[in-house]
Amino acid sequence: MHPFIVAEIALCSLHNRRKRLDDLEALLEVKVAQLIEVRHMIEAHALYSKGIGLANAHLIASCLITPGTQLWTRDSALKNVAGALGILVALP
């Protein structure tokens, strides 16, 4: 789990709010990439003009620096980039 995701979910209206947030925070956390790492990754993988924003780039960078981590998303642009980088979860 990336802490940005927990924070995004915390901005939503949730049933059993405290329990759901506690459950998410109890999941294993990816290494959180530093902004300079994100910038280098954007250039190294030519991720500009791919339809993803900074938060998505940050998620990708964190997946790349946390061995064995894969990304699950319904966002088509993020799905395309994650697939190209080999970090997309293959769902049935």
Protein backbone atom coordinates (compact mmCIF):
# COMPACT_ATOMS: atom_id res chain seq x y z
CA MET A 1 0.00 0.00 0.00
CA HIS A 2 1.19 3.49 -0.78
CA PRO A 3 0.41 6.16 1.83
CA PHE A 4 -0.91 8.48 -0.90
CA ILE A 5 -3.67 5.94 -1.58
CA VAL A 6 -4.68 5.76 2.08
CA ALA A 7 -4.75 9.56 2.19
CA GLU A 8 -6.88 9.72 -0.98
CA ILE A 9 -9.32 7.19 0.45
CA ALA A 10 -9.40 9.15 3.73
CA LEU A 11 -10.85 12.07 1.76
CA CYS A 12 -13.88 9.95 0.85
CA SER A 13 -17.03 9.27 2.81
CA LEU A 14 -16.57 5.77 4.23
CA HIS A 15 -18.81 3.31 6.05
CA ASN A 16 -16.95 2.08 9.18
CA ARG A 17 -14.43 4.82 8.45
CA ARG A 18 -11.94 4.22 11.28
CA LYS A 19 -11.84 0.43 10.77
CA ARG A 20 -11.39 0.72 7.01
CA LEU A 21 -8.57 3.23 7.37
CA ASP A 22 -6.94 1.16 10.11
CA ASP A 23 -7.12 -1.93 7.87
CA LEU A 24 -5.51 -0.07 4.98
CA GLU A 25 -2.78 1.35 7.21
CA ALA A 26 -2.03 -2.17 8.49
CA LEU A 27 -1.09 -3.39 4.99
CA LEU A 28 2.56 -3.64 4.02
CA GLU A 29 3.78 -0.28 2.78
CA VAL A 30 5.88 0.26 -0.35
CA LYS A 31 9.07 2.25 -0.16
CA VAL A 32 8.04 5.85 -0.79
CA ALA A 33 10.05 7.33 -3.63
CA GLN A 34 11.68 10.71 -3.17
CA LEU A 35 10.60 13.40 -5.61
CA ILE A 36 14.02 13.43 -7.27
CA GLU A 37 13.66 9.66 -7.87
CA VAL A 38 10.26 10.26 -9.45
CA ARG A 39 11.74 12.94 -11.73
CA HIS A 40 14.60 10.68 -12.81
CA MET A 41 12.16 7.84 -13.48
CA ILE A 42 9.97 10.12 -15.63
CA GLU A 43 12.97 10.95 -17.81
CA ALA A 44 14.51 7.46 -17.82
CA HIS A 45 11.23 5.84 -18.97
CA ALA A 46 9.95 8.79 -21.07
CA LEU A 47 6.74 8.95 -19.01
CA TYR A 48 5.87 12.51 -20.05
CA SER A 49 2.78 13.00 -22.22
CA LYS A 50 1.40 9.59 -21.26
CA GLY A 51 -1.69 10.92 -19.49
CA ILE A 52 -0.52 10.27 -15.93
CA GLY A 53 -0.04 12.89 -13.23
CA LEU A 54 2.42 13.30 -10.40
CA ALA A 55 0.53 11.07 -7.95
CA ASN A 56 0.45 8.24 -10.50
CA ALA A 57 4.12 8.73 -11.36
CA HIS A 58 4.87 8.58 -7.64
CA LEU A 59 2.98 5.29 -7.32
CA ILE A 60 4.90 3.84 -10.26
CA ALA A 61 8.26 4.94 -8.86
CA SER A 62 7.44 3.44 -5.47
CA CYS A 63 6.48 0.14 -7.13
CA LEU A 64 9.73 0.12 -9.08
CA ILE A 65 11.89 0.64 -5.98
CA THR A 66 9.99 -1.91 -3.88
CA PRO A 67 10.94 -5.37 -5.20
CA GLY A 68 8.01 -7.67 -5.95
CA THR A 69 5.45 -4.87 -5.92
CA GLN A 70 2.75 -4.73 -8.57
CA LEU A 71 0.13 -2.09 -9.25
CA TRP A 72 -3.62 -2.55 -9.60
CA THR A 73 -5.66 0.20 -11.23
CA ARG A 74 -8.74 0.90 -13.27
CA ASP A 75 -7.21 4.10 -14.69
CA SER A 76 -6.46 3.39 -18.36
CA ALA A 77 -3.42 5.70 -18.68
CA LEU A 78 -1.88 4.35 -15.48
CA LYS A 79 -2.69 0.80 -16.60
CA ASN A 80 -0.88 1.37 -19.91
CA VAL A 81 2.24 2.76 -18.26
CA ALA A 82 2.32 0.12 -15.50
CA GLY A 83 1.87 -2.62 -18.11
CA ALA A 84 4.72 -1.27 -20.23
CA LEU A 85 6.97 -1.22 -17.15
CA GLY A 86 6.01 -4.76 -16.12
CA ILE A 87 4.41 -3.82 -12.79
CA LEU A 88 0.73 -4.21 -13.65
CA VAL A 89 -1.22 -6.88 -11.78
CA ALA A 90 -2.68 -9.32 -14.28
CA LEU A 91 -6.34 -9.67 -13.30
CA PRO A 92 -8.54 -12.44 -14.66
